[in-house]
Every structure is written in structure tokens, then in C-alpha cells.
């Protein structure tokens, strides 16, 4: 895997992200396993709990879908899922049951950059929900973040639900990383981890989510932000820490007329164990949830 110095050209950063994850999927395959197993992510479990089962024809987009662990969970709720990933080998690693979803017309896999695909193959307001688990921290420049936020706003339907998670500063490891700009949350991996030398992480926080997605002139009402963690992968069981934002797409007419703005709370709330969520797993969230058969 190359470690070239990057320019400010977003295409360079996207190319590095693509290369990094193609390397990771190949590494996990060589180790004989799926990078995160088959259990759906907590980001997806939160989104599923707020969406509920699909009405006929409703669609979800799963950004950074990988081999489809979250995609598989959402199809059980009746949604047609558009799974998007940069890595050309992501779908190749999908288990048989996920590949069958594509054969049965329950899911569609797209290889490419969601921000670029959003206005070329997707319709405005096409998706009832958007799931994006541990991806946004891979965008090291504000222009890439802005492109992503614009694509999310474009693709999600009025009153659609969005759950996006990204690594936060609790995940900074001084043995593996060095700060590029601590105030902005930009860090770079050193040469201690195979395949990650020079890889840039852009940490998020509840405030950053609110600055980017909330506010009176924004396209979204932020419901809450929560902190969580999970093993980074099956080959690296060290906990990775991240923040999840849950937001609702404001009606487009409301965004155009800001006389009645909405804005959600910016506080981080705890994640107590409790209600059952979809896919038969625990949803660590105190609001009403559901469980499908």
C-alpha cells in the first residue's frame, strides 16, 4: 500500500481511502474472517429502531456498506437497500446470504463515492433512511465533508431518518498517531501499524455534527448524539470509540422558509442497556424500540 504525500485535491484523498480499504478487506480475508463479523453495527440498530418496518417500495442507503452486514439487517425490515462502498473488493467479501439479497432484488451494491453517485444515479429524496457507520472520519478535508453532507441532504426524503457515526477524540492513540491539528481533530498514523502509515483521521464530536448538520439554516434536525465503542475489527479487538448522530431530514419547504427553524439538542446522552432492537440484538438506548420476527 502506497504512502504518498497527498495534495489538497479531494480525488487524492478518495483514492487513498479506496486503497486503504481494499487493503483491509484483503487482509481480513487472508485472516479467514469478515472484518466485523455478521452482527449489525450499533449505528444501524439505532436507525432501524427509529425507522421501523418499511412500507412498500421504501429504500435505504447504506454508505460505507463493506460486505453488507448492515445492509442485510435493513432488508429484514422490508427496505430495498442501496449499499455503497469505495472498495472494489467489498462486495466480493460478502457472505452468501448477502449476495443472495442482490440476486433476489432486495439490495443493490454500488462501487464508488457516495457524494459523486448521489446526483448521478440516485434521485432527490429517494431514501427513507441513511446509514453511515464509522466512515465520516475518513474525510480529511472540509470540502469532502461538505460534499458528503450535501449528498446526504439530497438523497434523504423529507422526514427521513439519518444515523451517521464517526470516530471521536477518545480514539486518539499517541503510540500510533501524531496530531496534524489537534484543535481541528486531524491526526495522522505513524509507521507502527501495517497499511496505515500516513493515513489521516478527522475526529468528530457532538459539536462538529451540530455545526455541520444542525442549526436553523440546516437541512436536518439533530435529535441526539451518543458515544459508543466496539472492537475495531476481528483482527484488532482493541475498542474503537465513536459518536453517533441521529437526525431527521427537515421538509424541503421548511428549509427554504426559515421562519420556523428546528434545532435539536447538542448534548451527548448515555447509552444504557435496555430495549430490544431489530436483528434480535440489544439496542442500548432508552427510547421505545422494536423487534421484528
C-alpha atoms as a PDB file:
ATOM      1  CA  UNK A   1       0.000   0.000   0.000  1.00  0.00           C
ATOM      2  CA  UNK A   2       1.414   3.368  -1.000  1.00  0.00           C
ATOM      3  CA  UNK A   3       2.065   6.197   1.436  1.00  0.00           C
ATOM      4  CA  UNK A   4       2.488   9.104  -0.947  1.00  0.00           C
ATOM      5  CA  UNK A   5       2.124  12.656   0.252  1.00  0.00           C
ATOM      6  CA  UNK A   6      -1.322  13.934  -0.596  1.00  0.00           C
ATOM      7  CA  UNK A   7      -2.241  17.222  -2.207  1.00  0.00           C
ATOM      8  CA  UNK A   8      -5.378  19.219  -1.438  1.00  0.00           C
ATOM      9  CA  UNK A   9      -7.092  17.531  -4.383  1.00  0.00           C
ATOM     10  CA  UNK A  10     -10.120  15.618  -2.993  1.00  0.00           C
ATOM     11  CA  UNK A  11      -9.555  12.918  -5.609  1.00  0.00           C
ATOM     12  CA  UNK A  12      -6.204  12.117  -3.982  1.00  0.00           C
ATOM     13  CA  UNK A  13      -7.858  11.613  -0.616  1.00  0.00           C
ATOM     14  CA  UNK A  14     -10.651   9.480  -2.077  1.00  0.00           C
ATOM     15  CA  UNK A  15      -8.049   7.356  -3.875  1.00  0.00           C
ATOM     16  CA  UNK A  16      -6.176   6.825  -0.598  1.00  0.00           C
ATOM     17  CA  UNK A  17      -9.357   5.832   1.254  1.00  0.00           C
ATOM     18  CA  UNK A  18     -10.210   3.378  -1.519  1.00  0.00           C
ATOM     19  CA  UNK A  19      -6.713   1.879  -1.465  1.00  0.00           C
ATOM     20  CA  UNK A  20      -6.697   1.649   2.332  1.00  0.00           C
ATOM     21  CA  UNK A  21      -9.943  -0.309   2.488  1.00  0.00           C
ATOM     22  CA  UNK A  22      -9.178  -2.598  -0.404  1.00  0.00           C
ATOM     23  CA  UNK A  23      -6.021  -3.475   1.533  1.00  0.00           C
ATOM     24  CA  UNK A  24      -8.043  -4.021   4.740  1.00  0.00           C
ATOM     25  CA  UNK A  25     -10.629  -6.295   3.114  1.00  0.00           C
ATOM     26  CA  UNK A  26      -7.866  -8.376   1.547  1.00  0.00           C
ATOM     27  CA  UNK A  27      -6.110  -8.578   4.924  1.00  0.00           C
ATOM     28  CA  UNK A  28      -9.268  -9.757   6.695  1.00  0.00           C
ATOM     29  CA  UNK A  29      -9.939 -12.343   4.010  1.00  0.00           C
ATOM     30  CA  UNK A  30      -6.401 -13.659   4.371  1.00  0.00           C
ATOM     31  CA  UNK A  31      -7.045 -13.980   8.111  1.00  0.00           C
ATOM     32  CA  UNK A  32     -10.062 -16.129   7.312  1.00  0.00           C
ATOM     33  CA  UNK A  33     -12.826 -13.866   8.595  1.00  0.00           C
ATOM     34  CA  UNK A  34     -15.166 -10.943   7.987  1.00  0.00           C
ATOM     35  CA  UNK A  35     -13.783  -7.663   9.317  1.00  0.00           C
ATOM     36  CA  UNK A  36     -16.640  -7.074  11.796  1.00  0.00           C
ATOM     37  CA  UNK A  37     -18.446 -10.391  11.795  1.00  0.00           C
ATOM     38  CA  UNK A  38     -22.123 -10.568  10.858  1.00  0.00           C
ATOM     39  CA  UNK A  39     -23.684  -8.592  13.716  1.00  0.00           C
ATOM     40  CA  UNK A  40     -25.136  -5.276  12.586  1.00  0.00           C
ATOM     41  CA  UNK A  41     -23.484  -2.073  13.820  1.00  0.00           C
ATOM     42  CA  UNK A  42     -24.918  -0.002  16.624  1.00  0.00           C
ATOM     43  CA  UNK A  43     -25.409   2.852  14.170  1.00  0.00           C
ATOM     44  CA  UNK A  44     -27.681   0.605  12.100  1.00  0.00           C
ATOM     45  CA  UNK A  45     -29.534  -0.681  15.162  1.00  0.00           C
ATOM     46  CA  UNK A  46     -30.302   2.888  16.203  1.00  0.00           C
ATOM     47  CA  UNK A  47     -31.524   3.799  12.729  1.00  0.00           C
ATOM     48  CA  UNK A  48     -33.644   0.668  12.439  1.00  0.00           C
ATOM     49  CA  UNK A  49     -35.261   1.335  15.796  1.00  0.00           C
ATOM     50  CA  UNK A  50     -36.340   4.818  14.711  1.00  0.00           C
ATOM     51  CA  UNK A  51     -37.423   3.842  11.204  1.00  0.00           C
ATOM     52  CA  UNK A  52     -39.419   0.726  11.977  1.00  0.00           C
ATOM     53  CA  UNK A  53     -40.513  -1.718   9.261  1.00  0.00           C
ATOM     54  CA  UNK A  54     -40.708  -0.433   5.699  1.00  0.00           C
ATOM     55  CA  UNK A  55     -43.798   0.498   3.771  1.00  0.00           C
ATOM     56  CA  UNK A  56     -43.926  -0.997   0.270  1.00  0.00           C
ATOM     57  CA  UNK A  57     -41.280   0.457  -2.039  1.00  0.00           C
ATOM     58  CA  UNK A  58     -39.276   2.290   0.622  1.00  0.00           C
ATOM     59  CA  UNK A  59     -35.499   2.390   0.222  1.00  0.00           C
ATOM     60  CA  UNK A  60     -32.461   2.949   2.437  1.00  0.00           C
ATOM     61  CA  UNK A  61     -28.892   3.810   1.500  1.00  0.00           C
ATOM     62  CA  UNK A  62     -26.035   2.212   3.437  1.00  0.00           C
ATOM     63  CA  UNK A  63     -22.908   4.339   2.925  1.00  0.00           C
ATOM     64  CA  UNK A  64     -19.640   2.514   3.531  1.00  0.00           C
ATOM     65  CA  UNK A  65     -21.536  -0.762   3.447  1.00  0.00           C
ATOM     66  CA  UNK A  66     -18.500  -3.005   3.179  1.00  0.00           C
ATOM     67  CA  UNK A  67     -19.602  -6.598   2.759  1.00  0.00           C
ATOM     68  CA  UNK A  68     -23.169  -5.780   3.820  1.00  0.00           C
ATOM     69  CA  UNK A  69     -23.641  -6.622   7.497  1.00  0.00           C
ATOM     70  CA  UNK A  70     -25.942  -3.603   7.999  1.00  0.00           C
ATOM     71  CA  UNK A  71     -27.453  -3.969   4.534  1.00  0.00           C
ATOM     72  CA  UNK A  72     -28.562  -7.474   5.483  1.00  0.00           C
ATOM     73  CA  UNK A  73     -30.245  -6.215   8.670  1.00  0.00           C
ATOM     74  CA  UNK A  74     -32.221  -3.485   6.885  1.00  0.00           C
ATOM     75  CA  UNK A  75     -33.578  -5.895   4.266  1.00  0.00           C
ATOM     76  CA  UNK A  76     -35.136  -7.859   7.138  1.00  0.00           C
ATOM     77  CA  UNK A  77     -37.204  -4.762   7.838  1.00  0.00           C
ATOM     78  CA  UNK A  78     -38.512  -4.812   4.266  1.00  0.00           C
ATOM     79  CA  UNK A  79     -36.380  -1.997   2.807  1.00  0.00           C
ATOM     80  CA  UNK A  80     -34.636  -2.212  -0.531  1.00  0.00           C
ATOM     81  CA  UNK A  81     -31.081  -1.262   0.398  1.00  0.00           C
ATOM     82  CA  UNK A  82     -28.602   0.534  -1.832  1.00  0.00           C
ATOM     83  CA  UNK A  83     -25.195  -0.465  -0.454  1.00  0.00           C
ATOM     84  CA  UNK A  84     -22.381   1.924  -1.401  1.00  0.00           C
ATOM     85  CA  UNK A  85     -18.667   1.368  -0.874  1.00  0.00           C
ATOM     86  CA  UNK A  86     -15.479   2.753  -2.398  1.00  0.00           C
ATOM     87  CA  UNK A  87     -13.575  -0.531  -2.222  1.00  0.00           C
ATOM     88  CA  UNK A  88     -13.867  -2.549  -5.402  1.00  0.00           C
ATOM     89  CA  UNK A  89     -13.428  -5.797  -3.457  1.00  0.00           C
ATOM     90  CA  UNK A  90     -16.000  -5.065  -0.718  1.00  0.00           C
ATOM     91  CA  UNK A  91     -18.869  -6.994  -2.284  1.00  0.00           C
ATOM     92  CA  UNK A  92     -16.535  -9.867  -3.172  1.00  0.00           C
ATOM     93  CA  UNK A  93     -16.162 -10.439   0.591  1.00  0.00           C
ATOM     94  CA  UNK A  94     -19.915 -10.529   1.177  1.00  0.00           C
ATOM     95  CA  UNK A  95     -21.254 -13.756   2.696  1.00  0.00           C
ATOM     96  CA  UNK A  96     -23.547 -15.936   0.624  1.00  0.00           C
ATOM     97  CA  UNK A  97     -26.726 -14.675   2.290  1.00  0.00           C
ATOM     98  CA  UNK A  98     -25.863 -11.070   1.378  1.00  0.00           C
ATOM     99  CA  UNK A  99     -25.072 -11.917  -2.250  1.00  0.00           C
ATOM    100  CA  UNK A 100     -28.431 -13.685  -2.421  1.00  0.00           C
ATOM    101  CA  UNK A 101     -30.146 -10.425  -1.432  1.00  0.00           C
ATOM    102  CA  UNK A 102     -28.806  -8.910  -4.648  1.00  0.00           C
ATOM    103  CA  UNK A 103     -29.924 -11.924  -6.683  1.00  0.00           C
ATOM    104  CA  UNK A 104     -33.393 -11.660  -5.135  1.00  0.00           C
ATOM    105  CA  UNK A 105     -33.654  -7.920  -5.867  1.00  0.00           C
ATOM    106  CA  UNK A 106     -33.675  -6.901  -2.214  1.00  0.00           C
ATOM    107  CA  UNK A 107     -30.397  -4.987  -2.336  1.00  0.00           C
ATOM    108  CA  UNK A 108     -28.205  -3.234  -4.886  1.00  0.00           C
ATOM    109  CA  UNK A 109     -24.452  -2.790  -4.474  1.00  0.00           C
ATOM    110  CA  UNK A 110     -22.733   0.300  -5.903  1.00  0.00           C
ATOM    111  CA  UNK A 111     -18.954   0.677  -6.037  1.00  0.00           C
ATOM    112  CA  UNK A 112     -17.986   4.339  -5.855  1.00  0.00           C
ATOM    113  CA  UNK A 113     -18.013   7.593  -3.890  1.00  0.00           C
ATOM    114  CA  UNK A 114     -21.476   8.294  -2.455  1.00  0.00           C
ATOM    115  CA  UNK A 115     -21.000  12.042  -2.880  1.00  0.00           C
ATOM    116  CA  UNK A 116     -20.446  11.553  -6.608  1.00  0.00           C
ATOM    117  CA  UNK A 117     -23.115   8.882  -7.056  1.00  0.00           C
ATOM    118  CA  UNK A 118     -25.797  10.900  -5.265  1.00  0.00           C
ATOM    119  CA  UNK A 119     -26.653  13.148  -8.201  1.00  0.00           C
ATOM    120  CA  UNK A 120     -25.815  10.722 -10.995  1.00  0.00           C
ATOM    121  CA  UNK A 121     -27.696   7.538 -10.162  1.00  0.00           C
ATOM    122  CA  UNK A 122     -29.835   8.454  -7.148  1.00  0.00           C
ATOM    123  CA  UNK A 123     -32.974  10.628  -7.149  1.00  0.00           C
ATOM    124  CA  UNK A 124     -33.510  13.574  -4.860  1.00  0.00           C
ATOM    125  CA  UNK A 125     -35.375  12.420  -1.763  1.00  0.00           C
ATOM    126  CA  UNK A 126     -35.106   8.751  -2.758  1.00  0.00           C
ATOM    127  CA  UNK A 127     -34.272   7.315   0.660  1.00  0.00           C
ATOM    128  CA  UNK A 128     -36.389   6.881   3.764  1.00  0.00           C
ATOM    129  CA  UNK A 129     -33.190   6.484   5.746  1.00  0.00           C
ATOM    130  CA  UNK A 130     -29.417   6.727   5.524  1.00  0.00           C
ATOM    131  CA  UNK A 131     -26.974   4.619   7.497  1.00  0.00           C
ATOM    132  CA  UNK A 132     -23.281   5.502   7.633  1.00  0.00           C
ATOM    133  CA  UNK A 133     -21.230   3.653  10.226  1.00  0.00           C
ATOM    134  CA  UNK A 134     -17.660   4.776  11.005  1.00  0.00           C
ATOM    135  CA  UNK A 135     -16.955   6.469   7.678  1.00  0.00           C
ATOM    136  CA  UNK A 136     -17.109  10.262   8.107  1.00  0.00           C
ATOM    137  CA  UNK A 137     -13.790  10.415   9.992  1.00  0.00           C
ATOM    138  CA  UNK A 138     -12.075   9.224   6.805  1.00  0.00           C
ATOM    139  CA  UNK A 139     -12.730  12.595   5.117  1.00  0.00           C
ATOM    140  CA  UNK A 140      -9.675  14.730   5.979  1.00  0.00           C
ATOM    141  CA  UNK A 141     -10.785  17.978   4.316  1.00  0.00           C
ATOM    142  CA  UNK A 142     -13.799  20.198   4.863  1.00  0.00           C
ATOM    143  CA  UNK A 143     -14.565  20.124   1.144  1.00  0.00           C
ATOM    144  CA  UNK A 144     -15.047  16.334   1.300  1.00  0.00           C
ATOM    145  CA  UNK A 145     -17.191  16.697   4.426  1.00  0.00           C
ATOM    146  CA  UNK A 146     -19.300  19.384   2.740  1.00  0.00           C
ATOM    147  CA  UNK A 147     -19.740  17.196  -0.349  1.00  0.00           C
ATOM    148  CA  UNK A 148     -20.862  14.325   1.851  1.00  0.00           C
ATOM    149  CA  UNK A 149     -23.309  16.465   3.858  1.00  0.00           C
ATOM    150  CA  UNK A 150     -24.773  17.853   0.617  1.00  0.00           C
ATOM    151  CA  UNK A 151     -25.198  14.330  -0.770  1.00  0.00           C
ATOM    152  CA  UNK A 152     -26.952  13.198   2.415  1.00  0.00           C
ATOM    153  CA  UNK A 153     -29.345  16.146   2.254  1.00  0.00           C
ATOM    154  CA  UNK A 154     -30.017  15.473  -1.430  1.00  0.00           C
ATOM    155  CA  UNK A 155     -30.758  11.784  -1.107  1.00  0.00           C
ATOM    156  CA  UNK A 156     -32.860  11.601   2.063  1.00  0.00           C
ATOM    157  CA  UNK A 157     -36.617  12.160   1.835  1.00  0.00           C
ATOM    158  CA  UNK A 158     -38.471  14.769   3.883  1.00  0.00           C
ATOM    159  CA  UNK A 159     -38.834  13.430   7.447  1.00  0.00           C
ATOM    160  CA  UNK A 160     -36.309  10.698   6.604  1.00  0.00           C
ATOM    161  CA  UNK A 161     -34.057   9.393   9.357  1.00  0.00           C
ATOM    162  CA  UNK A 162     -30.265   9.556   9.317  1.00  0.00           C
ATOM    163  CA  UNK A 163     -27.706   7.858  11.565  1.00  0.00           C
ATOM    164  CA  UNK A 164     -24.051   8.701  10.968  1.00  0.00           C
ATOM    165  CA  UNK A 165     -21.159   7.663  13.193  1.00  0.00           C
ATOM    166  CA  UNK A 166     -17.519   8.695  13.190  1.00  0.00           C
ATOM    167  CA  UNK A 167     -14.503   8.183  15.417  1.00  0.00           C
ATOM    168  CA  UNK A 168     -14.030  10.856  18.080  1.00  0.00           C
ATOM    169  CA  UNK A 169     -11.020  12.179  20.008  1.00  0.00           C
ATOM    170  CA  UNK A 170     -11.354   9.485  22.673  1.00  0.00           C
ATOM    171  CA  UNK A 171      -9.913   7.215  19.977  1.00  0.00           C
ATOM    172  CA  UNK A 172      -6.672   9.152  19.588  1.00  0.00           C
ATOM    173  CA  UNK A 173      -3.735   6.832  20.294  1.00  0.00           C
ATOM    174  CA  UNK A 174      -0.395   8.635  20.885  1.00  0.00           C
ATOM    175  CA  UNK A 175       1.501   5.393  20.309  1.00  0.00           C
ATOM    176  CA  UNK A 176       0.113   5.102  16.787  1.00  0.00           C
ATOM    177  CA  UNK A 177      -0.774   8.661  15.781  1.00  0.00           C
ATOM    178  CA  UNK A 178       0.508  12.227  15.773  1.00  0.00           C
ATOM    179  CA  UNK A 179      -1.568  15.377  15.678  1.00  0.00           C
ATOM    180  CA  UNK A 180      -1.691  17.385  12.469  1.00  0.00           C
ATOM    181  CA  UNK A 181      -4.069  19.926  14.029  1.00  0.00           C
ATOM    182  CA  UNK A 182      -5.448  18.957  17.434  1.00  0.00           C
ATOM    183  CA  UNK A 183      -7.938  21.822  17.534  1.00  0.00           C
ATOM    184  CA  UNK A 184      -9.474  20.630  14.253  1.00  0.00           C
ATOM    185  CA  UNK A 185      -9.222  16.995  15.301  1.00  0.00           C
ATOM    186  CA  UNK A 186      -6.850  15.971  12.486  1.00  0.00           C
ATOM    187  CA  UNK A 187      -4.357  13.192  13.213  1.00  0.00           C
ATOM    188  CA  UNK A 188      -2.064  11.012  11.128  1.00  0.00           C
ATOM    189  CA  UNK A 189      -0.979   7.407  11.730  1.00  0.00           C
ATOM    190  CA  UNK A 190       2.746   6.824  12.151  1.00  0.00           C
ATOM    191  CA  UNK A 191       4.534   3.736  10.833  1.00  0.00           C
ATOM    192  CA  UNK A 192       3.668   1.394  13.725  1.00  0.00           C
ATOM    193  CA  UNK A 193       0.615  -0.192  12.039  1.00  0.00           C
ATOM    194  CA  UNK A 194       0.776  -2.102   8.782  1.00  0.00           C
ATOM    195  CA  UNK A 195      -1.092  -0.432   5.961  1.00  0.00           C
ATOM    196  CA  UNK A 196      -1.829   2.789   7.856  1.00  0.00           C
ATOM    197  CA  UNK A 197       1.305   4.887   7.641  1.00  0.00           C
ATOM    198  CA  UNK A 198       0.248   8.412   6.712  1.00  0.00           C
ATOM    199  CA  UNK A 199      -3.470   7.557   6.941  1.00  0.00           C
ATOM    200  CA  UNK A 200      -5.368  10.655   8.156  1.00  0.00           C
ATOM    201  CA  UNK A 201      -8.198  10.570  10.701  1.00  0.00           C
ATOM    202  CA  UNK A 202     -10.560  13.524  11.105  1.00  0.00           C
ATOM    203  CA  UNK A 203     -12.179  13.096  14.514  1.00  0.00           C
ATOM    204  CA  UNK A 204     -15.792  14.153  15.098  1.00  0.00           C
ATOM    205  CA  UNK A 205     -17.739  15.294  18.152  1.00  0.00           C
ATOM    206  CA  UNK A 206     -21.329  16.182  19.001  1.00  0.00           C
ATOM    207  CA  UNK A 207     -20.455  19.837  18.398  1.00  0.00           C
ATOM    208  CA  UNK A 208     -18.987  19.101  14.987  1.00  0.00           C
ATOM    209  CA  UNK A 209     -22.096  17.154  13.993  1.00  0.00           C
ATOM    210  CA  UNK A 210     -24.241  20.078  15.070  1.00  0.00           C
ATOM    211  CA  UNK A 211     -22.049  22.586  13.255  1.00  0.00           C
ATOM    212  CA  UNK A 212     -22.209  20.557  10.040  1.00  0.00           C
ATOM    213  CA  UNK A 213     -25.747  19.161  10.117  1.00  0.00           C
ATOM    214  CA  UNK A 214     -27.662  21.235  12.691  1.00  0.00           C
ATOM    215  CA  UNK A 215     -28.585  24.893  13.069  1.00  0.00           C
ATOM    216  CA  UNK A 216     -31.512  26.953  11.935  1.00  0.00           C
ATOM    217  CA  UNK A 217     -30.497  27.071   8.276  1.00  0.00           C
ATOM    218  CA  UNK A 218     -29.578  23.409   8.024  1.00  0.00           C
ATOM    219  CA  UNK A 219     -31.357  20.558   6.260  1.00  0.00           C
ATOM    220  CA  UNK A 220     -31.589  18.461   9.441  1.00  0.00           C
ATOM    221  CA  UNK A 221     -32.968  18.492  12.944  1.00  0.00           C
ATOM    222  CA  UNK A 222     -30.482  16.717  15.201  1.00  0.00           C
ATOM    223  CA  UNK A 223     -32.301  14.516  17.683  1.00  0.00           C
ATOM    224  CA  UNK A 224     -29.274  13.478  19.719  1.00  0.00           C
ATOM    225  CA  UNK A 225     -25.639  12.440  19.647  1.00  0.00           C
ATOM    226  CA  UNK A 226     -24.416   9.430  21.600  1.00  0.00           C
ATOM    227  CA  UNK A 227     -20.990   7.992  22.364  1.00  0.00           C
ATOM    228  CA  UNK A 228     -20.288   4.313  21.853  1.00  0.00           C
ATOM    229  CA  UNK A 229     -17.476   1.856  21.102  1.00  0.00           C
ATOM    230  CA  UNK A 230     -16.871  -1.544  19.520  1.00  0.00           C
ATOM    231  CA  UNK A 231     -13.877  -3.719  18.578  1.00  0.00           C
ATOM    232  CA  UNK A 232     -12.168  -2.182  15.581  1.00  0.00           C
ATOM    233  CA  UNK A 233     -12.180  -5.470  13.675  1.00  0.00           C
ATOM    234  CA  UNK A 234     -11.874  -9.209  14.164  1.00  0.00           C
ATOM    235  CA  UNK A 235      -8.100  -8.963  13.653  1.00  0.00           C
ATOM    236  CA  UNK A 236      -7.748  -5.978  16.013  1.00  0.00           C
ATOM    237  CA  UNK A 237     -10.060  -6.306  19.005  1.00  0.00           C
ATOM    238  CA  UNK A 238      -8.978  -3.034  20.606  1.00  0.00           C
ATOM    239  CA  UNK A 239     -12.065  -0.866  21.227  1.00  0.00           C
ATOM    240  CA  UNK A 240     -12.579   1.974  18.777  1.00  0.00           C
ATOM    241  CA  UNK A 241     -14.615   4.880  20.145  1.00  0.00           C
ATOM    242  CA  UNK A 242     -17.085   6.865  18.087  1.00  0.00           C
ATOM    243  CA  UNK A 243     -20.002   9.300  18.244  1.00  0.00           C
ATOM    244  CA  UNK A 244     -23.329   8.582  16.538  1.00  0.00           C
ATOM    245  CA  UNK A 245     -25.628  11.344  15.304  1.00  0.00           C
ATOM    246  CA  UNK A 246     -29.332  10.668  14.794  1.00  0.00           C
ATOM    247  CA  UNK A 247     -31.090  13.353  12.751  1.00  0.00           C
ATOM    248  CA  UNK A 248     -34.316  13.920  10.841  1.00  0.00           C
ATOM    249  CA  UNK A 249     -34.442  15.469   7.369  1.00  0.00           C
ATOM    250  CA  UNK A 250     -36.453  18.690   7.528  1.00  0.00           C
ATOM    251  CA  UNK A 251     -39.096  19.259   4.894  1.00  0.00           C
ATOM    252  CA  UNK A 252     -37.523  20.966   1.905  1.00  0.00           C
ATOM    253  CA  UNK A 253     -40.175  23.671   2.006  1.00  0.00           C
ATOM    254  CA  UNK A 254     -39.257  24.395   5.617  1.00  0.00           C
ATOM    255  CA  UNK A 255     -35.563  24.696   4.806  1.00  0.00           C
ATOM    256  CA  UNK A 256     -36.390  27.215   2.090  1.00  0.00           C
ATOM    257  CA  UNK A 257     -38.593  29.137   4.540  1.00  0.00           C
ATOM    258  CA  UNK A 258     -36.595  29.514   7.741  1.00  0.00           C
ATOM    259  CA  UNK A 259     -39.372  31.339   9.592  1.00  0.00           C
ATOM    260  CA  UNK A 260     -39.934  28.185  11.698  1.00  0.00           C
ATOM    261  CA  UNK A 261     -36.499  26.637  12.203  1.00  0.00           C
ATOM    262  CA  UNK A 262     -35.930  23.450  14.171  1.00  0.00           C
ATOM    263  CA  UNK A 263     -32.862  22.521  16.135  1.00  0.00           C
ATOM    264  CA  UNK A 264     -32.138  19.541  18.297  1.00  0.00           C
ATOM    265  CA  UNK A 265     -30.101  19.308  21.493  1.00  0.00           C
ATOM    266  CA  UNK A 266     -26.328  19.262  21.294  1.00  0.00           C
ATOM    267  CA  UNK A 267     -25.697  17.263  24.457  1.00  0.00           C
ATOM    268  CA  UNK A 268     -24.280  13.756  24.450  1.00  0.00           C
ATOM    269  CA  UNK A 269     -26.599  11.320  26.237  1.00  0.00           C
ATOM    270  CA  UNK A 270     -25.631   7.976  27.789  1.00  0.00           C
ATOM    271  CA  UNK A 271     -26.358   4.579  26.284  1.00  0.00           C
ATOM    272  CA  UNK A 272     -27.933   2.407  28.990  1.00  0.00           C
ATOM    273  CA  UNK A 273     -28.782  -1.177  28.140  1.00  0.00           C
ATOM    274  CA  UNK A 274     -32.450  -1.928  27.780  1.00  0.00           C
ATOM    275  CA  UNK A 275     -34.923  -2.181  24.933  1.00  0.00           C
ATOM    276  CA  UNK A 276     -34.731  -4.926  22.322  1.00  0.00           C
ATOM    277  CA  UNK A 277     -33.859  -3.780  18.811  1.00  0.00           C
ATOM    278  CA  UNK A 278     -34.054  -5.294  15.379  1.00  0.00           C
ATOM    279  CA  UNK A 279     -31.945  -8.252  14.299  1.00  0.00           C
ATOM    280  CA  UNK A 280     -32.507  -9.732  17.753  1.00  0.00           C
ATOM    281  CA  UNK A 281     -29.767  -7.575  19.292  1.00  0.00           C
ATOM    282  CA  UNK A 282     -29.749  -5.153  22.205  1.00  0.00           C
ATOM    283  CA  UNK A 283     -30.354  -1.504  21.383  1.00  0.00           C
ATOM    284  CA  UNK A 284     -28.573   0.422  24.121  1.00  0.00           C
ATOM    285  CA  UNK A 285     -30.921   3.368  24.011  1.00  0.00           C
ATOM    286  CA  UNK A 286     -33.736   4.378  26.420  1.00  0.00           C
ATOM    287  CA  UNK A 287     -36.359   5.241  23.793  1.00  0.00           C
ATOM    288  CA  UNK A 288     -39.071   2.855  22.547  1.00  0.00           C
ATOM    289  CA  UNK A 289     -37.657   0.336  20.117  1.00  0.00           C
ATOM    290  CA  UNK A 290     -38.990  -2.665  18.245  1.00  0.00           C
ATOM    291  CA  UNK A 291     -38.060  -6.211  17.410  1.00  0.00           C
ATOM    292  CA  UNK A 292     -39.036  -7.943  14.219  1.00  0.00           C
ATOM    293  CA  UNK A 293     -39.727 -11.643  13.935  1.00  0.00           C
END
